[in-house]
Amino acid sequence: MNGSSSELTDLDLGDKRLETRAVHILNAMLKAPQSSIPRACQSWSSTLATYRFFWNEAVSHEALMASHFEATEYRIRQLAPTGASLELPG
């Protein structure tokens, strides 16, 4: 599992196709972080799929970030010494 897919392991958009598309989008944006969506996607079909993804009512900032927050918390807990406590806002 690469970094982007592990970041979205717990992503739940209610549709596996949307979750797979999220991983594809994240991979494209990680390869070209300063690029526009069309440039990062490298094809019209991929660009259109990306815009459709973000226009989909099932996709929300909260859902995408929740998965990222869970992955971040997991990584922090793996690095924390035994018995240490971790307080995260929210």
PDB file of N, CA and C in Angstrom:
ATOM      1  N   MET A   1       0.856  -1.182   0.000  1.00  0.00           N
ATOM      2  CA  MET A   1       0.000   0.000   0.000  1.00  0.00           C
ATOM      3  C   MET A   1       0.895   1.236   0.000  1.00  0.00           C
ATOM      4  N   ASN A   2       0.664   2.148  -0.926  1.00  0.00           N
ATOM      5  CA  ASN A   2       1.485   3.347  -0.971  1.00  0.00           C
ATOM      6  C   ASN A   2       0.947   4.388  -0.001  1.00  0.00           C
ATOM      7  N   GLY A   3       1.684   5.482   0.138  1.00  0.00           N
ATOM      8  CA  GLY A   3       1.321   6.499   1.111  1.00  0.00           C
ATOM      9  C   GLY A   3      -0.054   7.087   0.909  1.00  0.00           C
ATOM     10  N   SER A   4      -0.422   7.317  -0.343  1.00  0.00           N
ATOM     11  CA  SER A   4      -1.719   7.946  -0.579  1.00  0.00           C
ATOM     12  C   SER A   4      -2.872   7.009  -0.263  1.00  0.00           C
ATOM     13  N   SER A   5      -2.732   5.740  -0.615  1.00  0.00           N
ATOM     14  CA  SER A   5      -3.839   4.825  -0.325  1.00  0.00           C
ATOM     15  C   SER A   5      -3.930   4.538   1.166  1.00  0.00           C
ATOM     16  N   SER A   6      -2.803   4.543   1.880  1.00  0.00           N
ATOM     17  CA  SER A   6      -2.877   4.340   3.328  1.00  0.00           C
ATOM     18  C   SER A   6      -3.509   5.555   4.000  1.00  0.00           C
ATOM     19  N   GLU A   7      -3.358   6.715   3.401  1.00  0.00           N
ATOM     20  CA  GLU A   7      -3.961   7.934   3.923  1.00  0.00           C
ATOM     21  C   GLU A   7      -5.483   7.861   3.823  1.00  0.00           C
ATOM     22  N   LEU A   8      -5.980   7.087   2.887  1.00  0.00           N
ATOM     23  CA  LEU A   8      -7.422   7.004   2.650  1.00  0.00           C
ATOM     24  C   LEU A   8      -8.003   5.640   3.012  1.00  0.00           C
ATOM     25  N   THR A   9      -7.291   4.871   3.823  1.00  0.00           N
ATOM     26  CA  THR A   9      -7.736   3.530   4.191  1.00  0.00           C
ATOM     27  C   THR A   9      -9.140   3.526   4.782  1.00  0.00           C
ATOM     28  N   ASP A  10      -9.432   4.469   5.647  1.00  0.00           N
ATOM     29  CA  ASP A  10     -10.727   4.505   6.326  1.00  0.00           C
ATOM     30  C   ASP A  10     -11.749   5.404   5.636  1.00  0.00           C
ATOM     31  N   LEU A  11     -11.452   5.833   4.425  1.00  0.00           N
ATOM     32  CA  LEU A  11     -12.382   6.692   3.697  1.00  0.00           C
ATOM     33  C   LEU A  11     -13.680   5.940   3.415  1.00  0.00           C
ATOM     34  N   ASP A  12     -14.785   6.559   3.759  1.00  0.00           N
ATOM     35  CA  ASP A  12     -16.093   5.948   3.509  1.00  0.00           C
ATOM     36  C   ASP A  12     -16.998   6.967   2.826  1.00  0.00           C
ATOM     37  N   LEU A  13     -17.110   6.822   1.521  1.00  0.00           N
ATOM     38  CA  LEU A  13     -17.986   7.699   0.747  1.00  0.00           C
ATOM     39  C   LEU A  13     -19.252   6.975   0.320  1.00  0.00           C
ATOM     40  N   GLY A  14     -19.399   5.728   0.777  1.00  0.00           N
ATOM     41  CA  GLY A  14     -20.585   4.954   0.452  1.00  0.00           C
ATOM     42  C   GLY A  14     -20.542   4.306  -0.919  1.00  0.00           C
ATOM     43  N   ASP A  15     -19.420   4.434  -1.622  1.00  0.00           N
ATOM     44  CA  ASP A  15     -19.297   3.877  -2.969  1.00  0.00           C
ATOM     45  C   ASP A  15     -17.814   3.609  -3.231  1.00  0.00           C
ATOM     46  N   LYS A  16     -17.470   2.351  -3.428  1.00  0.00           N
ATOM     47  CA  LYS A  16     -16.066   1.972  -3.640  1.00  0.00           C
ATOM     48  C   LYS A  16     -15.456   2.689  -4.841  1.00  0.00           C
ATOM     49  N   ARG A  17     -16.269   2.961  -5.864  1.00  0.00           N
ATOM     50  CA  ARG A  17     -15.746   3.652  -7.050  1.00  0.00           C
ATOM     51  C   ARG A  17     -15.274   5.055  -6.694  1.00  0.00           C
ATOM     52  N   LEU A  18     -16.011   5.739  -5.834  1.00  0.00           N
ATOM     53  CA  LEU A  18     -15.592   7.069  -5.392  1.00  0.00           C
ATOM     54  C   LEU A  18     -14.321   6.987  -4.559  1.00  0.00           C
ATOM     55  N   GLU A  19     -14.239   5.972  -3.720  1.00  0.00           N
ATOM     56  CA  GLU A  19     -13.057   5.808  -2.875  1.00  0.00           C
ATOM     57  C   GLU A  19     -11.823   5.503  -3.723  1.00  0.00           C
ATOM     58  N   THR A  20     -11.992   4.676  -4.766  1.00  0.00           N
ATOM     59  CA  THR A  20     -10.893   4.380  -5.684  1.00  0.00           C
ATOM     60  C   THR A  20     -10.484   5.642  -6.440  1.00  0.00           C
ATOM     61  N   ARG A  21     -11.455   6.414  -6.877  1.00  0.00           N
ATOM     62  CA  ARG A  21     -11.162   7.666  -7.587  1.00  0.00           C
ATOM     63  C   ARG A  21     -10.409   8.618  -6.677  1.00  0.00           C
ATOM     64  N   ALA A  22     -10.756   8.673  -5.392  1.00  0.00           N
ATOM     65  CA  ALA A  22     -10.056   9.542  -4.442  1.00  0.00           C
ATOM     66  C   ALA A  22      -8.575   9.192  -4.386  1.00  0.00           C
ATOM     67  N   VAL A  23      -8.253   7.908  -4.380  1.00  0.00           N
ATOM     68  CA  VAL A  23      -6.850   7.476  -4.361  1.00  0.00           C
ATOM     69  C   VAL A  23      -6.156   7.907  -5.650  1.00  0.00           C
ATOM     70  N   HIS A  24      -6.814   7.739  -6.794  1.00  0.00           N
ATOM     71  CA  HIS A  24      -6.228   8.157  -8.075  1.00  0.00           C
ATOM     72  C   HIS A  24      -5.954   9.666  -8.088  1.00  0.00           C
ATOM     73  N   ILE A  25      -6.901  10.433  -7.591  1.00  0.00           N
ATOM     74  CA  ILE A  25      -6.738  11.889  -7.556  1.00  0.00           C
ATOM     75  C   ILE A  25      -5.583  12.267  -6.642  1.00  0.00           C
ATOM     76  N   LEU A  26      -5.534  11.662  -5.465  1.00  0.00           N
ATOM     77  CA  LEU A  26      -4.459  11.974  -4.529  1.00  0.00           C
ATOM     78  C   LEU A  26      -3.105  11.618  -5.126  1.00  0.00           C
ATOM     79  N   ASN A  27      -3.000  10.467  -5.781  1.00  0.00           N
ATOM     80  CA  ASN A  27      -1.739  10.083  -6.428  1.00  0.00           C
ATOM     81  C   ASN A  27      -1.328  11.108  -7.478  1.00  0.00           C
ATOM     82  N   ALA A  28      -2.271  11.539  -8.301  1.00  0.00           N
ATOM     83  CA  ALA A  28      -1.969  12.525  -9.348  1.00  0.00           C
ATOM     84  C   ALA A  28      -1.509  13.840  -8.738  1.00  0.00           C
ATOM     85  N   MET A  29      -2.186  14.281  -7.683  1.00  0.00           N
ATOM     86  CA  MET A  29      -1.826  15.553  -7.064  1.00  0.00           C
ATOM     87  C   MET A  29      -0.500  15.469  -6.311  1.00  0.00           C
ATOM     88  N   LEU A  30      -0.183  14.303  -5.758  1.00  0.00           N
ATOM     89  CA  LEU A  30       1.100  14.139  -5.078  1.00  0.00           C
ATOM     90  C   LEU A  30       2.263  14.150  -6.060  1.00  0.00           C
ATOM     91  N   LYS A  31       2.033  13.671  -7.268  1.00  0.00           N
ATOM     92  CA  LYS A  31       3.085  13.671  -8.293  1.00  0.00           C
ATOM     93  C   LYS A  31       3.351  15.076  -8.826  1.00  0.00           C
ATOM     94  N   ALA A  32       2.365  15.938  -8.753  1.00  0.00           N
ATOM     95  CA  ALA A  32       2.485  17.298  -9.285  1.00  0.00           C
ATOM     96  C   ALA A  32       1.755  18.275  -8.371  1.00  0.00           C
ATOM     97  N   PRO A  33       2.258  18.465  -7.145  1.00  0.00           N
ATOM     98  CA  PRO A  33       1.509  19.230  -6.144  1.00  0.00           C
ATOM     99  C   PRO A  33       1.251  20.695  -6.491  1.00  0.00           C
ATOM    100  N   GLN A  34       2.054  21.271  -7.368  1.00  0.00           N
ATOM    101  CA  GLN A  34       1.847  22.678  -7.710  1.00  0.00           C
ATOM    102  C   GLN A  34       1.050  22.843  -9.001  1.00  0.00           C
ATOM    103  N   SER A  35       0.632  21.747  -9.576  1.00  0.00           N
ATOM    104  CA  SER A  35      -0.076  21.791 -10.856  1.00  0.00           C
ATOM    105  C   SER A  35      -1.571  22.020 -10.670  1.00  0.00           C
ATOM    106  N   SER A  36      -2.173  22.522 -11.718  1.00  0.00           N
ATOM    107  CA  SER A  36      -3.632  22.620 -11.755  1.00  0.00           C
ATOM    108  C   SER A  36      -4.197  21.207 -11.897  1.00  0.00           C
ATOM    109  N   ILE A  37      -5.480  21.065 -11.682  1.00  0.00           N
ATOM    110  CA  ILE A  37      -6.103  19.744 -11.832  1.00  0.00           C
ATOM    111  C   ILE A  37      -5.904  19.198 -13.246  1.00  0.00           C
ATOM    112  N   PRO A  38      -6.172  19.969 -14.302  1.00  0.00           N
ATOM    113  CA  PRO A  38      -5.965  19.411 -15.646  1.00  0.00           C
ATOM    114  C   PRO A  38      -4.517  18.974 -15.902  1.00  0.00           C
ATOM    115  N   ARG A  39      -3.560  19.745 -15.434  1.00  0.00           N
ATOM    116  CA  ARG A  39      -2.155  19.382 -15.659  1.00  0.00           C
ATOM    117  C   ARG A  39      -1.782  18.139 -14.844  1.00  0.00           C
ATOM    118  N   ALA A  40      -2.234  18.057 -13.604  1.00  0.00           N
ATOM    119  CA  ALA A  40      -1.921  16.895 -12.765  1.00  0.00           C
ATOM    120  C   ALA A  40      -2.586  15.633 -13.304  1.00  0.00           C
ATOM    121  N   CYS A  41      -3.793  15.770 -13.822  1.00  0.00           N
ATOM    122  CA  CYS A  41      -4.531  14.600 -14.314  1.00  0.00           C
ATOM    123  C   CYS A  41      -4.012  14.096 -15.660  1.00  0.00           C
ATOM    124  N   GLN A  42      -3.427  14.968 -16.455  1.00  0.00           N
ATOM    125  CA  GLN A  42      -2.745  14.630 -17.705  1.00  0.00           C
ATOM    126  C   GLN A  42      -3.646  14.158 -18.840  1.00  0.00           C
ATOM    127  N   SER A  43      -4.924  14.079 -18.657  1.00  0.00           N
ATOM    128  CA  SER A  43      -5.824  13.729 -19.761  1.00  0.00           C
ATOM    129  C   SER A  43      -7.189  14.354 -19.476  1.00  0.00           C
ATOM    130  N   TRP A  44      -7.927  14.580 -20.560  1.00  0.00           N
ATOM    131  CA  TRP A  44      -9.250  15.166 -20.402  1.00  0.00           C
ATOM    132  C   TRP A  44     -10.168  14.238 -19.618  1.00  0.00           C
ATOM    133  N   SER A  45     -10.108  12.934 -19.887  1.00  0.00           N
ATOM    134  CA  SER A  45     -11.012  12.005 -19.194  1.00  0.00           C
ATOM    135  C   SER A  45     -10.717  11.962 -17.696  1.00  0.00           C
ATOM    136  N   SER A  46      -9.445  11.984 -17.338  1.00  0.00           N
ATOM    137  CA  SER A  46      -9.078  11.986 -15.921  1.00  0.00           C
ATOM    138  C   SER A  46      -9.461  13.312 -15.263  1.00  0.00           C
ATOM    139  N   THR A  47      -9.279  14.404 -15.985  1.00  0.00           N
ATOM    140  CA  THR A  47      -9.668  15.717 -15.472  1.00  0.00           C
ATOM    141  C   THR A  47     -11.172  15.771 -15.232  1.00  0.00           C
ATOM    142  N   LEU A  48     -11.937  15.317 -16.201  1.00  0.00           N
ATOM    143  CA  LEU A  48     -13.392  15.307 -16.066  1.00  0.00           C
ATOM    144  C   LEU A  48     -13.830  14.413 -14.905  1.00  0.00           C
ATOM    145  N   ALA A  49     -13.194  13.248 -14.768  1.00  0.00           N
ATOM    146  CA  ALA A  49     -13.519  12.344 -13.656  1.00  0.00           C
ATOM    147  C   ALA A  49     -13.222  13.010 -12.312  1.00  0.00           C
ATOM    148  N   THR A  50     -12.146  13.781 -12.255  1.00  0.00           N
ATOM    149  CA  THR A  50     -11.792  14.481 -11.019  1.00  0.00           C
ATOM    150  C   THR A  50     -12.834  15.539 -10.679  1.00  0.00           C
ATOM    151  N   TYR A  51     -13.224  16.330 -11.658  1.00  0.00           N
ATOM    152  CA  TYR A  51     -14.256  17.339 -11.400  1.00  0.00           C
ATOM    153  C   TYR A  51     -15.583  16.689 -11.021  1.00  0.00           C
ATOM    154  N   ARG A  52     -15.937  15.613 -11.665  1.00  0.00           N
ATOM    155  CA  ARG A  52     -17.178  14.902 -11.309  1.00  0.00           C
ATOM    156  C   ARG A  52     -17.102  14.376  -9.875  1.00  0.00           C
ATOM    157  N   PHE A  53     -15.931  13.898  -9.489  1.00  0.00           N
ATOM    158  CA  PHE A  53     -15.723  13.420  -8.122  1.00  0.00           C
ATOM    159  C   PHE A  53     -16.051  14.539  -7.129  1.00  0.00           C
ATOM    160  N   PHE A  54     -15.465  15.716  -7.347  1.00  0.00           N
ATOM    161  CA  PHE A  54     -15.677  16.819  -6.409  1.00  0.00           C
ATOM    162  C   PHE A  54     -17.090  17.387  -6.477  1.00  0.00           C
ATOM    163  N   TRP A  55     -17.780  17.239  -7.590  1.00  0.00           N
ATOM    164  CA  TRP A  55     -19.164  17.692  -7.713  1.00  0.00           C
ATOM    165  C   TRP A  55     -20.146  16.710  -7.085  1.00  0.00           C
ATOM    166  N   ASN A  56     -19.710  15.494  -6.821  1.00  0.00           N
ATOM    167  CA  ASN A  56     -20.592  14.455  -6.292  1.00  0.00           C
ATOM    168  C   ASN A  56     -21.031  14.822  -4.869  1.00  0.00           C
ATOM    169  N   GLU A  57     -22.317  14.740  -4.608  1.00  0.00           N
ATOM    170  CA  GLU A  57     -22.847  15.104  -3.292  1.00  0.00           C
ATOM    171  C   GLU A  57     -22.365  14.186  -2.176  1.00  0.00           C
ATOM    172  N   ALA A  58     -21.927  12.979  -2.508  1.00  0.00           N
ATOM    173  CA  ALA A  58     -21.432  12.045  -1.494  1.00  0.00           C
ATOM    174  C   ALA A  58     -20.029  12.412  -1.023  1.00  0.00           C
ATOM    175  N   VAL A  59     -19.351  13.259  -1.772  1.00  0.00           N
ATOM    176  CA  VAL A  59     -17.980  13.652  -1.442  1.00  0.00           C
ATOM    177  C   VAL A  59     -18.020  14.957  -0.655  1.00  0.00           C
ATOM    178  N   SER A  60     -17.394  14.942   0.509  1.00  0.00           N
ATOM    179  CA  SER A  60     -17.340  16.158   1.319  1.00  0.00           C
ATOM    180  C   SER A  60     -15.936  16.338   1.877  1.00  0.00           C
ATOM    181  N   HIS A  61     -15.629  17.572   2.167  1.00  0.00           N
ATOM    182  CA  HIS A  61     -14.347  17.887   2.794  1.00  0.00           C
ATOM    183  C   HIS A  61     -14.214  17.120   4.105  1.00  0.00           C
ATOM    184  N   GLU A  62     -15.288  17.059   4.858  1.00  0.00           N
ATOM    185  CA  GLU A  62     -15.269  16.379   6.151  1.00  0.00           C
ATOM    186  C   GLU A  62     -14.933  14.900   5.999  1.00  0.00           C
ATOM    187  N   ALA A  63     -15.534  14.233   5.027  1.00  0.00           N
ATOM    188  CA  ALA A  63     -15.276  12.799   4.824  1.00  0.00           C
ATOM    189  C   ALA A  63     -13.833  12.558   4.406  1.00  0.00           C
ATOM    190  N   LEU A  64     -13.329  13.392   3.499  1.00  0.00           N
ATOM    191  CA  LEU A  64     -11.948  13.228   3.047  1.00  0.00           C
ATOM    192  C   LEU A  64     -10.965  13.489   4.187  1.00  0.00           C
ATOM    193  N   MET A  65     -11.215  14.536   4.956  1.00  0.00           N
ATOM    194  CA  MET A  65     -10.294  14.877   6.037  1.00  0.00           C
ATOM    195  C   MET A  65     -10.388  13.900   7.204  1.00  0.00           C
ATOM    196  N   ALA A  66     -11.550  13.328   7.461  1.00  0.00           N
ATOM    197  CA  ALA A  66     -11.691  12.365   8.561  1.00  0.00           C
ATOM    198  C   ALA A  66     -10.749  11.188   8.357  1.00  0.00           C
ATOM    199  N   SER A  67     -10.671  10.697   7.141  1.00  0.00           N
ATOM    200  CA  SER A  67      -9.774   9.583   6.844  1.00  0.00           C
ATOM    201  C   SER A  67      -8.319   9.999   7.048  1.00  0.00           C
ATOM    202  N   HIS A  68      -7.978  11.187   6.602  1.00  0.00           N
ATOM    203  CA  HIS A  68      -6.619  11.713   6.777  1.00  0.00           C
ATOM    204  C   HIS A  68      -6.292  11.866   8.264  1.00  0.00           C
ATOM    205  N   PHE A  69      -7.219  12.408   9.045  1.00  0.00           N
ATOM    206  CA  PHE A  69      -6.993  12.586  10.480  1.00  0.00           C
ATOM    207  C   PHE A  69      -6.783  11.242  11.177  1.00  0.00           C
ATOM    208  N   GLU A  70      -7.578  10.248  10.807  1.00  0.00           N
ATOM    209  CA  GLU A  70      -7.423   8.918  11.408  1.00  0.00           C
ATOM    210  C   GLU A  70      -6.062   8.318  11.066  1.00  0.00           C
ATOM    211  N   ALA A  71      -5.619   8.475   9.835  1.00  0.00           N
ATOM    212  CA  ALA A  71      -4.312   7.951   9.428  1.00  0.00           C
ATOM    213  C   ALA A  71      -3.189   8.676  10.163  1.00  0.00           C
ATOM    214  N   THR A  72      -3.337   9.978  10.341  1.00  0.00           N
ATOM    215  CA  THR A  72      -2.331  10.761  11.060  1.00  0.00           C
ATOM    216  C   THR A  72      -2.264  10.333  12.517  1.00  0.00           C
ATOM    217  N   GLU A  73      -3.416  10.173  13.141  1.00  0.00           N
ATOM    218  CA  GLU A  73      -3.450   9.740  14.539  1.00  0.00           C
ATOM    219  C   GLU A  73      -2.811   8.360  14.684  1.00  0.00           C
ATOM    220  N   TYR A  74      -3.089   7.460  13.745  1.00  0.00           N
ATOM    221  CA  TYR A  74      -2.503   6.120  13.783  1.00  0.00           C
ATOM    222  C   TYR A  74      -0.975   6.207  13.720  1.00  0.00           C
ATOM    223  N   ARG A  75      -0.441   7.019  12.810  1.00  0.00           N
ATOM    224  CA  ARG A  75       1.018   7.152  12.691  1.00  0.00           C
ATOM    225  C   ARG A  75       1.625   7.726  13.961  1.00  0.00           C
ATOM    226  N   ILE A  76       0.971   8.710  14.550  1.00  0.00           N
ATOM    227  CA  ILE A  76       1.479   9.309  15.784  1.00  0.00           C
ATOM    228  C   ILE A  76       1.492   8.274  16.899  1.00  0.00           C
ATOM    229  N   ARG A  77       0.434   7.505  17.012  1.00  0.00           N
ATOM    230  CA  ARG A  77       0.368   6.483  18.065  1.00  0.00           C
ATOM    231  C   ARG A  77       1.452   5.417  17.875  1.00  0.00           C
ATOM    232  N   GLN A  78       1.793   5.106  16.632  1.00  0.00           N
ATOM    233  CA  GLN A  78       2.845   4.127  16.366  1.00  0.00           C
ATOM    234  C   GLN A  78       4.207   4.650  16.811  1.00  0.00           C
ATOM    235  N   LEU A  79       4.392   5.953  16.803  1.00  0.00           N
ATOM    236  CA  LEU A  79       5.670   6.556  17.168  1.00  0.00           C
ATOM    237  C   LEU A  79       5.754   6.946  18.639  1.00  0.00           C
ATOM    238  N   ALA A  80       4.618   7.037  19.310  1.00  0.00           N
ATOM    239  CA  ALA A  80       4.592   7.465  20.708  1.00  0.00           C
ATOM    240  C   ALA A  80       5.157   6.374  21.607  1.00  0.00           C
ATOM    241  N   PRO A  81       5.919   6.768  22.614  1.00  0.00           N
ATOM    242  CA  PRO A  81       6.421   5.772  23.559  1.00  0.00           C
ATOM    243  C   PRO A  81       5.270   5.109  24.318  1.00  0.00           C
ATOM    244  N   THR A  82       5.482   3.887  24.761  1.00  0.00           N
ATOM    245  CA  THR A  82       4.470   3.152  25.511  1.00  0.00           C
ATOM    246  C   THR A  82       4.075   3.945  26.752  1.00  0.00           C
ATOM    247  N   GLY A  83       2.781   4.049  26.968  1.00  0.00           N
ATOM    248  CA  GLY A  83       2.272   4.756  28.133  1.00  0.00           C
ATOM    249  C   GLY A  83       2.081   6.247  27.912  1.00  0.00           C
ATOM    250  N   ALA A  84       2.539   6.768  26.788  1.00  0.00           N
ATOM    251  CA  ALA A  84       2.371   8.195  26.517  1.00  0.00           C
ATOM    252  C   ALA A  84       0.921   8.463  26.130  1.00  0.00           C
ATOM    253  N   SER A  85       0.446   9.629  26.463  1.00  0.00           N
ATOM    254  CA  SER A  85      -0.913   9.984  26.066  1.00  0.00           C
ATOM    255  C   SER A  85      -0.852  10.971  24.908  1.00  0.00           C
ATOM    256  N   LEU A  86      -1.903  10.979  24.143  1.00  0.00           N
ATOM    257  CA  LEU A  86      -1.978  11.848  22.978  1.00  0.00           C
ATOM    258  C   LEU A  86      -3.316  12.559  22.994  1.00  0.00           C
ATOM    259  N   GLU A  87      -3.280  13.871  22.968  1.00  0.00           N
ATOM    260  CA  GLU A  87      -4.502  14.668  22.946  1.00  0.00           C
ATOM    261  C   GLU A  87      -4.588  15.362  21.599  1.00  0.00           C
ATOM    262  N   LEU A  88      -5.656  15.084  20.861  1.00  0.00           N
ATOM    263  CA  LEU A  88      -5.880  15.742  19.582  1.00  0.00           C
ATOM    264  C   LEU A  88      -7.144  16.572  19.667  1.00  0.00           C
ATOM    265  N   PRO A  89      -7.111  17.784  19.129  1.00  0.00           N
ATOM    266  CA  PRO A  89      -8.326  18.607  19.166  1.00  0.00           C
ATOM    267  C   PRO A  89      -9.416  18.005  18.298  1.00  0.00           C
ATOM    268  N   GLY A  90     -10.644  18.296  18.652  1.00  0.00           N
ATOM    269  CA  GLY A  90     -11.775  17.852  17.834  1.00  0.00           C
ATOM    270  C   GLY A  90     -12.369  16.674  18.384  1.00  0.00           C
TER     271      GLY A  90
END
